[in-house]
Amino acid sequence: MLIARDGGEGPSYALGDTTDIGRSEGHIVIADDRYISPRHARITQRGGAFFLRDLESTNGVFVRIPFLRAQRSAGDDPAAAAAAQASAAPDSEAELADQDLFLVGQQVLRFEVVKHAEEGFGVASENGTLLFGTPAAPRYARLSQRTVEGLARDVFHVRKAETVLGRESGDIVFTDDPFLSRRHAMLRVHGAGDDGAPRRFTLADLGSSNGTFLQVREEVRLRHGDHFRIGQQLFRFDS
């Protein structure tokens, strides 16, 4: 089902074994959204379950977290894989990888892992004398805004184990975005200590009104009530 801009329910679409969504091609065509590629995404039914994937579109497919990643190999039986997926719980936090894009409100943010050499440059000295200045803080990652011009605008460094994004409260605040909740989402750094554990990054929604959406790089299993964005369109999957 397509969600209207005012939050109401829009048109509903029946899903077949394979349903393509696009701007000019496919079974569901939304011709007036220029952010949608000609053939943008595909929903496939296997073993009684539905799976969503991107068709190498320009702007990608964004799924509201939490969601289920499809973990099916070529040798899996479709029915058995679907049954296993049905019994699984969705991830409460989504793993973030270098160059991932995610949506909070109207903000399109690119996540970049800071290379080891950039984490800290060490203390500076001149003629054997240490330079006096504000104590340096580690930089684990950075977020950059992707604009409609295709350029990166503001850059925000991730320096803490937990970084909150919001409209009024948090470490990174977008006060002019009415679609953001006061405290909207949190980016977490795992393994940031000195114990040698590999560093991981996750993204969690903080119960926001409009949700947090992560661009998917792989197939995901749709569950009843899941929301996903294609172009400027918000869809809800009803089983």
C-alpha atoms as a PDB file:
ATOM      1  CA  MET A   1       0.000   0.000   0.000  1.00  0.00           C
ATOM      2  CA  LEU A   2       1.207   3.494  -0.854  1.00  0.00           C
ATOM      3  CA  ILE A   3       1.131   6.012   2.009  1.00  0.00           C
ATOM      4  CA  ALA A   4      -0.094   9.481   1.018  1.00  0.00           C
ATOM      5  CA  ARG A   5       1.916  12.598   1.853  1.00  0.00           C
ATOM      6  CA  ASP A   6      -0.568  13.555   4.579  1.00  0.00           C
ATOM      7  CA  GLY A   7      -0.034  10.184   6.265  1.00  0.00           C
ATOM      8  CA  GLY A   8      -3.313   8.734   5.028  1.00  0.00           C
ATOM      9  CA  GLU A   9      -3.707   5.583   2.998  1.00  0.00           C
ATOM     10  CA  GLY A  10      -3.185   5.764  -0.727  1.00  0.00           C
ATOM     11  CA  PRO A  11      -3.790   3.203  -3.457  1.00  0.00           C
ATOM     12  CA  SER A  12      -3.221  -0.515  -2.797  1.00  0.00           C
ATOM     13  CA  TYR A  13      -1.448  -2.888  -5.158  1.00  0.00           C
ATOM     14  CA  ALA A  14      -1.795  -6.665  -5.352  1.00  0.00           C
ATOM     15  CA  LEU A  15       1.512  -8.556  -5.421  1.00  0.00           C
ATOM     16  CA  GLY A  16       2.173 -11.506  -7.708  1.00  0.00           C
ATOM     17  CA  ASP A  17       5.051 -13.958  -7.821  1.00  0.00           C
ATOM     18  CA  THR A  18       7.221 -11.118  -9.131  1.00  0.00           C
ATOM     19  CA  THR A  19       6.234  -7.455  -8.903  1.00  0.00           C
ATOM     20  CA  ASP A  20       8.465  -4.704 -10.294  1.00  0.00           C
ATOM     21  CA  ILE A  21       8.138  -1.049  -9.281  1.00  0.00           C
ATOM     22  CA  GLY A  22       9.386   1.772 -11.498  1.00  0.00           C
ATOM     23  CA  ARG A  23       8.779   5.160 -13.056  1.00  0.00           C
ATOM     24  CA  SER A  24       8.081   3.889 -16.567  1.00  0.00           C
ATOM     25  CA  GLU A  25       8.461   0.084 -16.430  1.00  0.00           C
ATOM     26  CA  GLY A  26       7.074  -2.659 -14.234  1.00  0.00           C
ATOM     27  CA  HIS A  27       3.805  -3.755 -12.673  1.00  0.00           C
ATOM     28  CA  ILE A  28       3.521  -0.713 -10.394  1.00  0.00           C
ATOM     29  CA  VAL A  29       4.342   2.485 -12.287  1.00  0.00           C
ATOM     30  CA  ILE A  30       4.628   5.871 -10.577  1.00  0.00           C
ATOM     31  CA  ALA A  31       5.261   8.190 -13.489  1.00  0.00           C
ATOM     32  CA  ASP A  32       5.334  11.530 -11.665  1.00  0.00           C
ATOM     33  CA  ASP A  33       8.234  10.764  -9.292  1.00  0.00           C
ATOM     34  CA  ARG A  34      11.495  11.624 -11.048  1.00  0.00           C
ATOM     35  CA  TYR A  35      13.541  10.196  -8.168  1.00  0.00           C
ATOM     36  CA  ILE A  36      12.375   6.713  -9.176  1.00  0.00           C
ATOM     37  CA  SER A  37      14.403   4.868 -11.821  1.00  0.00           C
ATOM     38  CA  PRO A  38      12.588   3.466 -14.880  1.00  0.00           C
ATOM     39  CA  ARG A  39      12.641  -0.002 -13.231  1.00  0.00           C
ATOM     40  CA  HIS A  40      13.604   0.540  -9.624  1.00  0.00           C
ATOM     41  CA  ALA A  41      12.807  -2.377  -7.279  1.00  0.00           C
ATOM     42  CA  ARG A  42      11.411  -5.911  -7.274  1.00  0.00           C
ATOM     43  CA  ILE A  43       9.254  -7.825  -4.785  1.00  0.00           C
ATOM     44  CA  THR A  44       9.445 -11.599  -5.179  1.00  0.00           C
ATOM     45  CA  GLN A  45       7.289 -14.249  -3.527  1.00  0.00           C
ATOM     46  CA  ARG A  46       9.012 -17.471  -2.443  1.00  0.00           C
ATOM     47  CA  GLY A  47       7.605 -20.146  -0.186  1.00  0.00           C
ATOM     48  CA  GLY A  48       4.790 -17.925   1.020  1.00  0.00           C
ATOM     49  CA  ALA A  49       7.114 -15.037   1.951  1.00  0.00           C
ATOM     50  CA  PHE A  50       7.857 -11.784   0.111  1.00  0.00           C
ATOM     51  CA  PHE A  51      11.352 -10.402  -0.501  1.00  0.00           C
ATOM     52  CA  LEU A  52      12.347  -6.893  -1.598  1.00  0.00           C
ATOM     53  CA  ARG A  53      15.481  -5.932  -3.493  1.00  0.00           C
ATOM     54  CA  ASP A  54      16.902  -2.996  -5.397  1.00  0.00           C
ATOM     55  CA  LEU A  55      17.367  -3.250  -9.178  1.00  0.00           C
ATOM     56  CA  GLU A  56      20.537  -1.126  -9.284  1.00  0.00           C
ATOM     57  CA  SER A  57      18.477   2.042  -9.171  1.00  0.00           C
ATOM     58  CA  THR A  58      20.019   5.515  -9.012  1.00  0.00           C
ATOM     59  CA  ASN A  59      18.659   6.404  -5.564  1.00  0.00           C
ATOM     60  CA  GLY A  60      18.284   2.986  -3.962  1.00  0.00           C
ATOM     61  CA  VAL A  61      15.646   1.364  -1.752  1.00  0.00           C
ATOM     62  CA  PHE A  62      15.363   2.385   1.908  1.00  0.00           C
ATOM     63  CA  VAL A  63      13.706   0.125   4.483  1.00  0.00           C
ATOM     64  CA  ARG A  64      12.533   1.277   7.899  1.00  0.00           C
ATOM     65  CA  ILE A  65      14.473  -0.330  10.728  1.00  0.00           C
ATOM     66  CA  PRO A  66      14.094  -2.826  12.260  1.00  0.00           C
ATOM     67  CA  PHE A  67      13.806  -5.218   9.342  1.00  0.00           C
ATOM     68  CA  LEU A  68      14.836  -8.763   8.452  1.00  0.00           C
ATOM     69  CA  ARG A  69      17.711  -9.480   6.137  1.00  0.00           C
ATOM     70  CA  ALA A  70      17.146 -12.415   3.813  1.00  0.00           C
ATOM     71  CA  GLN A  71      19.626 -15.189   4.617  1.00  0.00           C
ATOM     72  CA  ARG A  72      18.999 -17.663   1.875  1.00  0.00           C
ATOM     73  CA  SER A  73      21.722 -19.399  -0.106  1.00  0.00           C
ATOM     74  CA  ALA A  74      21.286 -20.903  -3.560  1.00  0.00           C
ATOM     75  CA  GLY A  75      20.990 -24.385  -2.103  1.00  0.00           C
ATOM     76  CA  ASP A  76      18.275 -23.558   0.418  1.00  0.00           C
ATOM     77  CA  ASP A  77      14.792 -24.885   0.041  1.00  0.00           C
ATOM     78  CA  PRO A  78      12.530 -21.811  -0.422  1.00  0.00           C
ATOM     79  CA  ALA A  79       9.806 -23.106   1.880  1.00  0.00           C
ATOM     80  CA  ALA A  80      12.260 -24.050   4.644  1.00  0.00           C
ATOM     81  CA  ALA A  81      14.044 -20.705   4.334  1.00  0.00           C
ATOM     82  CA  ALA A  82      10.757 -18.823   4.550  1.00  0.00           C
ATOM     83  CA  ALA A  83       9.732 -20.772   7.649  1.00  0.00           C
ATOM     84  CA  ALA A  84      13.039 -19.984   9.330  1.00  0.00           C
ATOM     85  CA  GLN A  85      12.686 -16.332   8.476  1.00  0.00           C
ATOM     86  CA  ALA A  86       9.139 -16.219   9.825  1.00  0.00           C
ATOM     87  CA  SER A  87      10.295 -17.443  13.235  1.00  0.00           C
ATOM     88  CA  ALA A  88      13.159 -14.950  13.423  1.00  0.00           C
ATOM     89  CA  ALA A  89      12.943 -11.568  15.096  1.00  0.00           C
ATOM     90  CA  PRO A  90      13.895  -8.394  13.206  1.00  0.00           C
ATOM     91  CA  ASP A  91      17.141  -6.676  14.114  1.00  0.00           C
ATOM     92  CA  SER A  92      16.563  -3.933  16.688  1.00  0.00           C
ATOM     93  CA  GLU A  93      19.705  -2.229  15.388  1.00  0.00           C
ATOM     94  CA  ALA A  94      20.897  -2.192  11.807  1.00  0.00           C
ATOM     95  CA  GLU A  95      24.547  -2.797  11.034  1.00  0.00           C
ATOM     96  CA  LEU A  96      26.213   0.151   9.314  1.00  0.00           C
ATOM     97  CA  ALA A  97      28.939  -0.398   6.737  1.00  0.00           C
ATOM     98  CA  ASP A  98      31.255   2.117   5.139  1.00  0.00           C
ATOM     99  CA  GLN A  99      29.438   4.277   2.531  1.00  0.00           C
ATOM    100  CA  ASP A 100      25.944   3.275   3.701  1.00  0.00           C
ATOM    101  CA  LEU A 101      23.159   5.826   3.216  1.00  0.00           C
ATOM    102  CA  PHE A 102      20.298   6.321   5.661  1.00  0.00           C
ATOM    103  CA  LEU A 103      17.335   8.667   6.058  1.00  0.00           C
ATOM    104  CA  VAL A 104      16.223  10.557   9.151  1.00  0.00           C
ATOM    105  CA  GLY A 105      13.492  13.105   8.469  1.00  0.00           C
ATOM    106  CA  GLN A 106      14.488  14.910   5.275  1.00  0.00           C
ATOM    107  CA  GLN A 107      18.187  14.273   5.835  1.00  0.00           C
ATOM    108  CA  VAL A 108      20.048  11.900   3.535  1.00  0.00           C
ATOM    109  CA  LEU A 109      23.237  10.977   5.371  1.00  0.00           C
ATOM    110  CA  ARG A 110      26.228   9.012   4.158  1.00  0.00           C
ATOM    111  CA  PHE A 111      28.162   7.024   6.768  1.00  0.00           C
ATOM    112  CA  GLU A 112      31.927   6.782   6.308  1.00  0.00           C
ATOM    113  CA  VAL A 113      34.344   4.864   8.481  1.00  0.00           C
ATOM    114  CA  VAL A 114      37.386   6.958   9.340  1.00  0.00           C
ATOM    115  CA  LYS A 115      40.604   5.297   8.273  1.00  0.00           C
ATOM    116  CA  HIS A 116      43.017   4.377  11.051  1.00  0.00           C
ATOM    117  CA  ALA A 117      45.473   7.112  10.050  1.00  0.00           C
ATOM    118  CA  GLU A 118      42.747   9.762  10.475  1.00  0.00           C
ATOM    119  CA  GLU A 119      41.566   8.691  13.933  1.00  0.00           C
ATOM    120  CA  GLY A 120      44.119  10.892  15.638  1.00  0.00           C
ATOM    121  CA  PHE A 121      47.201  12.708  14.457  1.00  0.00           C
ATOM    122  CA  GLY A 122      48.964  12.677  17.828  1.00  0.00           C
ATOM    123  CA  VAL A 123      50.359  15.647  19.672  1.00  0.00           C
ATOM    124  CA  ALA A 124      52.169  18.391  17.806  1.00  0.00           C
ATOM    125  CA  SER A 125      55.427  19.935  18.884  1.00  0.00           C
ATOM    126  CA  GLU A 126      57.665  22.739  17.772  1.00  0.00           C
ATOM    127  CA  ASN A 127      61.374  22.785  18.601  1.00  0.00           C
ATOM    128  CA  GLY A 128      60.728  20.108  21.230  1.00  0.00           C
ATOM    129  CA  THR A 129      57.877  22.029  22.883  1.00  0.00           C
ATOM    130  CA  LEU A 130      54.395  20.551  22.879  1.00  0.00           C
ATOM    131  CA  LEU A 131      51.719  22.679  21.243  1.00  0.00           C
ATOM    132  CA  PHE A 132      49.130  23.946  23.712  1.00  0.00           C
ATOM    133  CA  GLY A 133      45.505  23.376  22.592  1.00  0.00           C
ATOM    134  CA  THR A 134      42.179  21.697  23.164  1.00  0.00           C
ATOM    135  CA  PRO A 135      42.591  17.979  23.944  1.00  0.00           C
ATOM    136  CA  ALA A 136      42.060  15.855  20.851  1.00  0.00           C
ATOM    137  CA  ALA A 137      39.174  13.394  20.675  1.00  0.00           C
ATOM    138  CA  PRO A 138      39.152  10.212  18.574  1.00  0.00           C
ATOM    139  CA  ARG A 139      37.239  10.201  15.291  1.00  0.00           C
ATOM    140  CA  TYR A 140      35.610   6.842  14.578  1.00  0.00           C
ATOM    141  CA  ALA A 141      33.457   7.794  11.588  1.00  0.00           C
ATOM    142  CA  ARG A 142      31.749  10.717   9.906  1.00  0.00           C
ATOM    143  CA  LEU A 143      28.338  11.555   8.509  1.00  0.00           C
ATOM    144  CA  SER A 144      27.928  13.817   5.493  1.00  0.00           C
ATOM    145  CA  GLN A 145      24.723  15.237   4.077  1.00  0.00           C
ATOM    146  CA  ARG A 146      24.010  14.264   0.482  1.00  0.00           C
ATOM    147  CA  THR A 147      22.223  17.089  -1.307  1.00  0.00           C
ATOM    148  CA  VAL A 148      20.035  17.006  -4.421  1.00  0.00           C
ATOM    149  CA  GLU A 149      23.028  18.433  -6.302  1.00  0.00           C
ATOM    150  CA  GLY A 150      24.799  15.132  -5.640  1.00  0.00           C
ATOM    151  CA  LEU A 151      27.358  16.833  -3.412  1.00  0.00           C
ATOM    152  CA  ALA A 152      28.316  16.398   0.228  1.00  0.00           C
ATOM    153  CA  ARG A 153      27.463  19.414   2.374  1.00  0.00           C
ATOM    154  CA  ASP A 154      27.930  19.466   6.158  1.00  0.00           C
ATOM    155  CA  VAL A 155      30.175  16.818   7.698  1.00  0.00           C
ATOM    156  CA  PHE A 156      29.736  15.564  11.273  1.00  0.00           C
ATOM    157  CA  HIS A 157      32.369  13.443  13.028  1.00  0.00           C
ATOM    158  CA  VAL A 158      31.393  10.521  15.236  1.00  0.00           C
ATOM    159  CA  ARG A 159      33.564  10.794  18.350  1.00  0.00           C
ATOM    160  CA  LYS A 160      31.520   9.014  21.026  1.00  0.00           C
ATOM    161  CA  ALA A 161      30.335   5.476  21.693  1.00  0.00           C
ATOM    162  CA  GLU A 162      26.745   6.736  21.249  1.00  0.00           C
ATOM    163  CA  THR A 163      25.792   9.629  18.961  1.00  0.00           C
ATOM    164  CA  VAL A 164      22.179  10.867  19.013  1.00  0.00           C
ATOM    165  CA  LEU A 165      20.578  12.592  16.018  1.00  0.00           C
ATOM    166  CA  GLY A 166      17.477  14.713  16.448  1.00  0.00           C
ATOM    167  CA  ARG A 167      15.631  17.967  15.896  1.00  0.00           C
ATOM    168  CA  GLU A 168      16.021  19.498  19.351  1.00  0.00           C
ATOM    169  CA  SER A 169      18.223  17.238  21.464  1.00  0.00           C
ATOM    170  CA  GLY A 170      21.297  15.207  20.665  1.00  0.00           C
ATOM    171  CA  ASP A 171      24.856  15.365  19.424  1.00  0.00           C
ATOM    172  CA  ILE A 172      23.882  16.152  15.811  1.00  0.00           C
ATOM    173  CA  VAL A 173      20.830  18.418  15.551  1.00  0.00           C
ATOM    174  CA  PHE A 174      18.854  19.559  12.495  1.00  0.00           C
ATOM    175  CA  THR A 175      16.604  22.255  13.928  1.00  0.00           C
ATOM    176  CA  ASP A 176      14.970  23.160  10.593  1.00  0.00           C
ATOM    177  CA  ASP A 177      13.727  19.656   9.765  1.00  0.00           C
ATOM    178  CA  PRO A 178      10.073  19.319  10.864  1.00  0.00           C
ATOM    179  CA  PHE A 179      10.037  15.590  10.024  1.00  0.00           C
ATOM    180  CA  LEU A 180      12.626  14.753  12.673  1.00  0.00           C
ATOM    181  CA  SER A 181      11.626  13.811  16.195  1.00  0.00           C
ATOM    182  CA  ARG A 182      13.196  15.564  19.153  1.00  0.00           C
ATOM    183  CA  ARG A 183      15.553  12.583  19.682  1.00  0.00           C
ATOM    184  CA  HIS A 184      15.260  10.558  16.511  1.00  0.00           C
ATOM    185  CA  ALA A 185      18.023   7.975  16.067  1.00  0.00           C
ATOM    186  CA  MET A 186      21.272   6.762  17.601  1.00  0.00           C
ATOM    187  CA  LEU A 187      24.519   5.641  16.019  1.00  0.00           C
ATOM    188  CA  ARG A 188      26.526   3.280  18.228  1.00  0.00           C
ATOM    189  CA  VAL A 189      30.209   2.335  18.087  1.00  0.00           C
ATOM    190  CA  HIS A 190      30.952  -1.190  19.313  1.00  0.00           C
ATOM    191  CA  GLY A 191      34.465  -2.290  20.183  1.00  0.00           C
ATOM    192  CA  ALA A 192      35.799   1.245  20.470  1.00  0.00           C
ATOM    193  CA  GLY A 193      38.004   0.483  23.468  1.00  0.00           C
ATOM    194  CA  ASP A 194      41.588  -0.701  23.677  1.00  0.00           C
ATOM    195  CA  ASP A 195      40.759  -4.397  24.068  1.00  0.00           C
ATOM    196  CA  GLY A 196      41.552  -5.141  20.434  1.00  0.00           C
ATOM    197  CA  ALA A 197      37.965  -6.074  19.518  1.00  0.00           C
ATOM    198  CA  PRO A 198      36.994  -5.317  15.921  1.00  0.00           C
ATOM    199  CA  ARG A 199      35.002  -2.114  15.658  1.00  0.00           C
ATOM    200  CA  ARG A 200      31.368  -2.283  14.522  1.00  0.00           C
ATOM    201  CA  PHE A 201      28.771   0.403  13.934  1.00  0.00           C
ATOM    202  CA  THR A 202      24.997   0.134  14.311  1.00  0.00           C
ATOM    203  CA  LEU A 203      22.033   2.448  13.777  1.00  0.00           C
ATOM    204  CA  ALA A 204      18.920   2.370  15.978  1.00  0.00           C
ATOM    205  CA  ASP A 205      15.671   4.306  15.855  1.00  0.00           C
ATOM    206  CA  LEU A 206      14.646   5.962  19.142  1.00  0.00           C
ATOM    207  CA  GLY A 207      10.901   5.572  18.695  1.00  0.00           C
ATOM    208  CA  SER A 208      10.630   8.454  16.246  1.00  0.00           C
ATOM    209  CA  SER A 209       7.341   9.373  14.584  1.00  0.00           C
ATOM    210  CA  ASN A 210       8.579   9.028  11.002  1.00  0.00           C
ATOM    211  CA  GLY A 211      11.153   6.277  11.416  1.00  0.00           C
ATOM    212  CA  THR A 212      14.750   5.723  10.360  1.00  0.00           C
ATOM    213  CA  PHE A 213      15.398   4.175   6.947  1.00  0.00           C
ATOM    214  CA  LEU A 214      18.533   2.367   5.810  1.00  0.00           C
ATOM    215  CA  GLN A 215      19.431   1.806   2.172  1.00  0.00           C
ATOM    216  CA  VAL A 216      19.557  -1.936   1.549  1.00  0.00           C
ATOM    217  CA  ARG A 217      22.411  -3.567  -0.307  1.00  0.00           C
ATOM    218  CA  GLU A 218      20.906  -7.030  -0.199  1.00  0.00           C
ATOM    219  CA  GLU A 219      17.522  -8.676  -0.325  1.00  0.00           C
ATOM    220  CA  VAL A 220      15.283  -8.206   2.725  1.00  0.00           C
ATOM    221  CA  ARG A 221      12.260 -10.176   3.834  1.00  0.00           C
ATOM    222  CA  LEU A 222       9.088  -8.134   4.168  1.00  0.00           C
ATOM    223  CA  ARG A 223       6.933  -8.604   7.254  1.00  0.00           C
ATOM    224  CA  HIS A 224       3.429  -7.323   7.855  1.00  0.00           C
ATOM    225  CA  GLY A 225       3.573  -3.583   8.545  1.00  0.00           C
ATOM    226  CA  ASP A 226       7.077  -3.023   7.142  1.00  0.00           C
ATOM    227  CA  HIS A 227       7.642   0.378   5.514  1.00  0.00           C
ATOM    228  CA  PHE A 228      10.035   1.112   2.668  1.00  0.00           C
ATOM    229  CA  ARG A 229      10.824   4.152   0.543  1.00  0.00           C
ATOM    230  CA  ILE A 230      11.370   4.280  -3.196  1.00  0.00           C
ATOM    231  CA  GLY A 231      12.041   7.766  -4.525  1.00  0.00           C
ATOM    232  CA  GLN A 232       9.677  10.072  -2.648  1.00  0.00           C
ATOM    233  CA  GLN A 233       7.103   7.308  -2.181  1.00  0.00           C
ATOM    234  CA  LEU A 234       6.477   5.560   1.136  1.00  0.00           C
ATOM    235  CA  PHE A 235       5.045   2.041   0.921  1.00  0.00           C
ATOM    236  CA  ARG A 236       3.643  -0.225   3.622  1.00  0.00           C
ATOM    237  CA  PHE A 237       3.607  -3.969   3.138  1.00  0.00           C
ATOM    238  CA  ASP A 238       0.431  -5.720   4.339  1.00  0.00           C
ATOM    239  CA  SER A 239       0.371  -9.496   4.277  1.00  0.00           C
END
